[in-house]
């Protein structure tokens, strides 16, 4: 696979079948009940970045289709405009990155705790992240 315009990967001719994990713009448009021009608009706005075939056909992988589902939920069901969608998607991305960083920090803290305990097992719940809840003192 080689890089194409805007860093999108090119695929071999004839690729893009469901077996490859990619689907073409017409299939995606029909599946979600949107016009292909809507998908092209989302691409121009930078909301989605489908891969391209060697013939420059847009190819949508699972990740891009899932991102499109989020975009359509925000716009259709929640009435968010495209500028708002962009902000929300950026915040989701940043949050996911921060969660990964917190997981690595937590693992590093646990490793130090194990080392200081002289190799003895450390209670795995001693340093636990509790999402969306008040802090609870562990006994």
C-alpha atoms as a PDB file:
ATOM      1  CA  UNK A   1       0.000   0.000   0.000  1.00  0.00           C
ATOM      2  CA  UNK A   2       1.347   3.470  -0.801  1.00  0.00           C
ATOM      3  CA  UNK A   3       0.413   6.911   0.435  1.00  0.00           C
ATOM      4  CA  UNK A   4      -1.866   9.040  -1.717  1.00  0.00           C
ATOM      5  CA  UNK A   5      -3.367  12.521  -1.454  1.00  0.00           C
ATOM      6  CA  UNK A   6      -3.683  13.850   2.102  1.00  0.00           C
ATOM      7  CA  UNK A   7      -1.862  10.809   3.456  1.00  0.00           C
ATOM      8  CA  UNK A   8      -4.695   8.424   2.617  1.00  0.00           C
ATOM      9  CA  UNK A   9      -3.502   4.951   1.720  1.00  0.00           C
ATOM     10  CA  UNK A  10      -3.971   3.659  -1.796  1.00  0.00           C
ATOM     11  CA  UNK A  11      -5.217   0.113  -2.302  1.00  0.00           C
ATOM     12  CA  UNK A  12      -4.598  -2.269  -5.158  1.00  0.00           C
ATOM     13  CA  UNK A  13      -7.017  -2.115  -8.100  1.00  0.00           C
ATOM     14  CA  UNK A  14     -10.100  -4.174  -7.536  1.00  0.00           C
ATOM     15  CA  UNK A  15      -9.849  -3.889  -3.773  1.00  0.00           C
ATOM     16  CA  UNK A  16     -12.581  -2.407  -1.653  1.00  0.00           C
ATOM     17  CA  UNK A  17     -14.847  -5.386  -1.291  1.00  0.00           C
ATOM     18  CA  UNK A  18     -16.312  -6.189   2.083  1.00  0.00           C
ATOM     19  CA  UNK A  19     -13.821  -9.030   2.336  1.00  0.00           C
ATOM     20  CA  UNK A  20     -11.011  -6.456   2.370  1.00  0.00           C
ATOM     21  CA  UNK A  21     -12.739  -4.647   5.215  1.00  0.00           C
ATOM     22  CA  UNK A  22     -13.557  -1.712   2.955  1.00  0.00           C
ATOM     23  CA  UNK A  23     -16.831  -0.648   1.377  1.00  0.00           C
ATOM     24  CA  UNK A  24     -17.442   1.906  -1.343  1.00  0.00           C
ATOM     25  CA  UNK A  25     -19.239   5.223  -1.010  1.00  0.00           C
ATOM     26  CA  UNK A  26     -22.477   3.990  -2.620  1.00  0.00           C
ATOM     27  CA  UNK A  27     -22.864   1.169  -0.115  1.00  0.00           C
ATOM     28  CA  UNK A  28     -22.227   3.487   2.844  1.00  0.00           C
ATOM     29  CA  UNK A  29     -24.624   6.131   1.496  1.00  0.00           C
ATOM     30  CA  UNK A  30     -27.371   3.557   1.011  1.00  0.00           C
ATOM     31  CA  UNK A  31     -26.789   1.933   4.404  1.00  0.00           C
ATOM     32  CA  UNK A  32     -27.160   5.246   6.258  1.00  0.00           C
ATOM     33  CA  UNK A  33     -29.744   6.844   3.975  1.00  0.00           C
ATOM     34  CA  UNK A  34     -27.575   9.785   2.972  1.00  0.00           C
ATOM     35  CA  UNK A  35     -26.584  11.118  -0.422  1.00  0.00           C
ATOM     36  CA  UNK A  36     -23.003  10.393  -1.516  1.00  0.00           C
ATOM     37  CA  UNK A  37     -22.503  14.176  -1.743  1.00  0.00           C
ATOM     38  CA  UNK A  38     -23.115  14.365   2.002  1.00  0.00           C
ATOM     39  CA  UNK A  39     -20.258  11.935   2.554  1.00  0.00           C
ATOM     40  CA  UNK A  40     -18.058  13.978   0.233  1.00  0.00           C
ATOM     41  CA  UNK A  41     -18.964  17.114   2.218  1.00  0.00           C
ATOM     42  CA  UNK A  42     -17.990  15.415   5.480  1.00  0.00           C
ATOM     43  CA  UNK A  43     -14.680  14.508   3.863  1.00  0.00           C
ATOM     44  CA  UNK A  44     -14.094  18.088   2.634  1.00  0.00           C
ATOM     45  CA  UNK A  45     -14.857  19.360   6.148  1.00  0.00           C
ATOM     46  CA  UNK A  46     -12.285  16.928   7.561  1.00  0.00           C
ATOM     47  CA  UNK A  47     -14.802  14.951   9.615  1.00  0.00           C
ATOM     48  CA  UNK A  48     -14.018  11.653   7.884  1.00  0.00           C
ATOM     49  CA  UNK A  49     -11.015  10.476   5.896  1.00  0.00           C
ATOM     50  CA  UNK A  50     -11.843   7.477   3.744  1.00  0.00           C
ATOM     51  CA  UNK A  51      -8.992   5.561   2.143  1.00  0.00           C
ATOM     52  CA  UNK A  52      -8.606   5.663  -1.625  1.00  0.00           C
ATOM     53  CA  UNK A  53      -8.171   2.907  -4.185  1.00  0.00           C
ATOM     54  CA  UNK A  54      -5.538   3.115  -6.906  1.00  0.00           C
ATOM     55  CA  UNK A  55      -8.339   4.483  -9.095  1.00  0.00           C
ATOM     56  CA  UNK A  56      -9.076   7.158  -6.441  1.00  0.00           C
ATOM     57  CA  UNK A  57     -12.368   5.570  -5.328  1.00  0.00           C
ATOM     58  CA  UNK A  58     -13.312   6.334  -1.737  1.00  0.00           C
ATOM     59  CA  UNK A  59     -13.079   3.246   0.478  1.00  0.00           C
ATOM     60  CA  UNK A  60     -14.642   3.224   3.920  1.00  0.00           C
ATOM     61  CA  UNK A  61     -13.176   0.972   6.628  1.00  0.00           C
ATOM     62  CA  UNK A  62     -14.921  -0.027   9.846  1.00  0.00           C
ATOM     63  CA  UNK A  63     -13.386   2.814  11.844  1.00  0.00           C
ATOM     64  CA  UNK A  64     -14.548   5.431   9.325  1.00  0.00           C
ATOM     65  CA  UNK A  65     -18.052   3.934   9.204  1.00  0.00           C
ATOM     66  CA  UNK A  66     -18.247   4.014  13.015  1.00  0.00           C
ATOM     67  CA  UNK A  67     -17.117   7.651  12.988  1.00  0.00           C
ATOM     68  CA  UNK A  68     -19.809   8.382  10.389  1.00  0.00           C
ATOM     69  CA  UNK A  69     -22.419   6.800  12.670  1.00  0.00           C
ATOM     70  CA  UNK A  70     -21.385   9.204  15.432  1.00  0.00           C
ATOM     71  CA  UNK A  71     -21.553  12.168  13.043  1.00  0.00           C
ATOM     72  CA  UNK A  72     -25.023  11.197  11.838  1.00  0.00           C
ATOM     73  CA  UNK A  73     -26.287  10.670  15.390  1.00  0.00           C
ATOM     74  CA  UNK A  74     -25.027  14.099  16.388  1.00  0.00           C
ATOM     75  CA  UNK A  75     -26.468  15.849  13.348  1.00  0.00           C
ATOM     76  CA  UNK A  76     -29.744  13.964  12.857  1.00  0.00           C
ATOM     77  CA  UNK A  77     -30.777  13.007  16.372  1.00  0.00           C
ATOM     78  CA  UNK A  78     -29.206  15.767  18.444  1.00  0.00           C
ATOM     79  CA  UNK A  79     -29.311  18.671  15.991  1.00  0.00           C
ATOM     80  CA  UNK A  80     -25.599  19.483  16.259  1.00  0.00           C
ATOM     81  CA  UNK A  81     -24.156  21.485  13.353  1.00  0.00           C
ATOM     82  CA  UNK A  82     -20.939  20.431  11.603  1.00  0.00           C
ATOM     83  CA  UNK A  83     -18.797  22.889  13.573  1.00  0.00           C
ATOM     84  CA  UNK A  84     -20.155  21.371  16.782  1.00  0.00           C
ATOM     85  CA  UNK A  85     -19.556  17.868  15.444  1.00  0.00           C
ATOM     86  CA  UNK A  86     -15.932  18.782  14.773  1.00  0.00           C
ATOM     87  CA  UNK A  87     -15.486  20.050  18.340  1.00  0.00           C
ATOM     88  CA  UNK A  88     -17.156  16.974  19.833  1.00  0.00           C
ATOM     89  CA  UNK A  89     -15.069  14.556  17.756  1.00  0.00           C
ATOM     90  CA  UNK A  90     -11.892  16.420  18.714  1.00  0.00           C
ATOM     91  CA  UNK A  91     -12.828  16.262  22.402  1.00  0.00           C
ATOM     92  CA  UNK A  92     -13.587  12.531  22.120  1.00  0.00           C
ATOM     93  CA  UNK A  93     -10.196  11.969  20.527  1.00  0.00           C
ATOM     94  CA  UNK A  94      -8.392  13.985  23.188  1.00  0.00           C
ATOM     95  CA  UNK A  95     -10.280  12.191  25.960  1.00  0.00           C
ATOM     96  CA  UNK A  96      -9.337   8.779  24.547  1.00  0.00           C
ATOM     97  CA  UNK A  97      -5.698   9.876  24.376  1.00  0.00           C
ATOM     98  CA  UNK A  98      -5.799  11.112  27.974  1.00  0.00           C
ATOM     99  CA  UNK A  99      -7.407   7.866  29.151  1.00  0.00           C
ATOM    100  CA  UNK A 100      -4.541   5.956  27.545  1.00  0.00           C
ATOM    101  CA  UNK A 101      -1.998   8.212  29.216  1.00  0.00           C
ATOM    102  CA  UNK A 102      -3.721   7.787  32.584  1.00  0.00           C
ATOM    103  CA  UNK A 103      -3.662   4.007  32.155  1.00  0.00           C
ATOM    104  CA  UNK A 104       0.092   4.105  31.518  1.00  0.00           C
ATOM    105  CA  UNK A 105       0.656   6.386  34.520  1.00  0.00           C
ATOM    106  CA  UNK A 106      -1.445   4.140  36.738  1.00  0.00           C
ATOM    107  CA  UNK A 107       0.526   1.085  35.610  1.00  0.00           C
ATOM    108  CA  UNK A 108       3.805   2.895  36.345  1.00  0.00           C
ATOM    109  CA  UNK A 109       2.565   3.771  39.838  1.00  0.00           C
ATOM    110  CA  UNK A 110       1.549   0.173  40.432  1.00  0.00           C
ATOM    111  CA  UNK A 111       4.995  -0.999  39.272  1.00  0.00           C
ATOM    112  CA  UNK A 112       6.679   1.340  41.757  1.00  0.00           C
ATOM    113  CA  UNK A 113       4.332   0.123  44.510  1.00  0.00           C
ATOM    114  CA  UNK A 114       5.229  -3.503  43.695  1.00  0.00           C
ATOM    115  CA  UNK A 115       8.926  -2.649  43.757  1.00  0.00           C
ATOM    116  CA  UNK A 116       8.641  -0.894  47.122  1.00  0.00           C
ATOM    117  CA  UNK A 117       6.668  -3.809  48.533  1.00  0.00           C
ATOM    118  CA  UNK A 118       9.704  -5.995  47.888  1.00  0.00           C
ATOM    119  CA  UNK A 119       8.109  -7.993  45.111  1.00  0.00           C
ATOM    120  CA  UNK A 120       5.101  -8.941  47.237  1.00  0.00           C
ATOM    121  CA  UNK A 121       1.754  -8.792  45.467  1.00  0.00           C
ATOM    122  CA  UNK A 122       0.073  -5.413  45.724  1.00  0.00           C
ATOM    123  CA  UNK A 123      -3.691  -5.153  46.039  1.00  0.00           C
ATOM    124  CA  UNK A 124      -4.756  -4.329  42.433  1.00  0.00           C
ATOM    125  CA  UNK A 125      -7.594  -2.190  43.804  1.00  0.00           C
ATOM    126  CA  UNK A 126      -5.268  -0.042  45.867  1.00  0.00           C
ATOM    127  CA  UNK A 127      -4.797   2.285  42.898  1.00  0.00           C
ATOM    128  CA  UNK A 128      -7.949   2.092  40.841  1.00  0.00           C
ATOM    129  CA  UNK A 129      -9.583   4.654  38.612  1.00  0.00           C
ATOM    130  CA  UNK A 130     -13.268   4.939  39.350  1.00  0.00           C
ATOM    131  CA  UNK A 131     -14.990   6.609  36.397  1.00  0.00           C
ATOM    132  CA  UNK A 132     -17.745   9.163  36.968  1.00  0.00           C
ATOM    133  CA  UNK A 133     -18.203   8.550  40.631  1.00  0.00           C
ATOM    134  CA  UNK A 134     -17.229  10.146  43.870  1.00  0.00           C
ATOM    135  CA  UNK A 135     -13.907   9.170  45.398  1.00  0.00           C
ATOM    136  CA  UNK A 136     -14.280   6.230  47.725  1.00  0.00           C
ATOM    137  CA  UNK A 137     -11.807   5.409  50.466  1.00  0.00           C
ATOM    138  CA  UNK A 138     -10.583   1.812  50.170  1.00  0.00           C
ATOM    139  CA  UNK A 139     -10.109  -0.095  53.409  1.00  0.00           C
END
